[in-house]
Amino acid sequence: MKKLIFTFIILLFAHPAGAGRTFTDSDLEIYKKDNSVAIKDQYRPVHRKETALKQPDNTAQKEKQSWCRRGKKHRDTVNRAQADLDKAEHRIDEYRKALAVRKSDLRSAMRNLKRSREKLDAAEEEYRNFEDRAYRQNIPRDWYECYYDGYDEYRGY
């Protein structure tokens, strides 16, 4: 019995199942020519295709930020126009309080006041048009006023 088991073990290791490739004379001819080419042609390494990990789709977040930037631009324009108007009104008030003012200075201040009012009206009209476009596209007011996802433009968080 020991002999039978020993013989079986020797046969198992001496001729394992699925043992390598059997070479013939034609296979040897390949290796006689150019060893590096034959190896490269026959045994190419298998490369796994790496697929890039896709980032989550941030289009909604980018759209919110885009509307926030556009709304901020329009609000800043209105605020600058309002500041210019306030400055022009203040200058006219100073001229009216003064006893001696040249008429040309007063006229230029009045023209400046008129331009400032027109500029403010145009900026407010543009902001109203912007709000109307946002409304027609079903954009929430919070997006263009920068109150979204816990972000508050004025508080900074």
Foldseek 3Di string as FASTA:
>chain_A
DVVVVVVVVCVCVVDPPPDDDDDDVVNVVLCVPPPVVSCCVPPPDDDDDDDDDDDPDCPVVVVLVVLQVVLVVLVVQLVVLVVQLVVLVVVLVVQVPDDDDDPVVNVVSVVSNVVSVVSNVVSVVVSVVSVVVCVVVVHDPCSNCVNPPNAHPVVGD
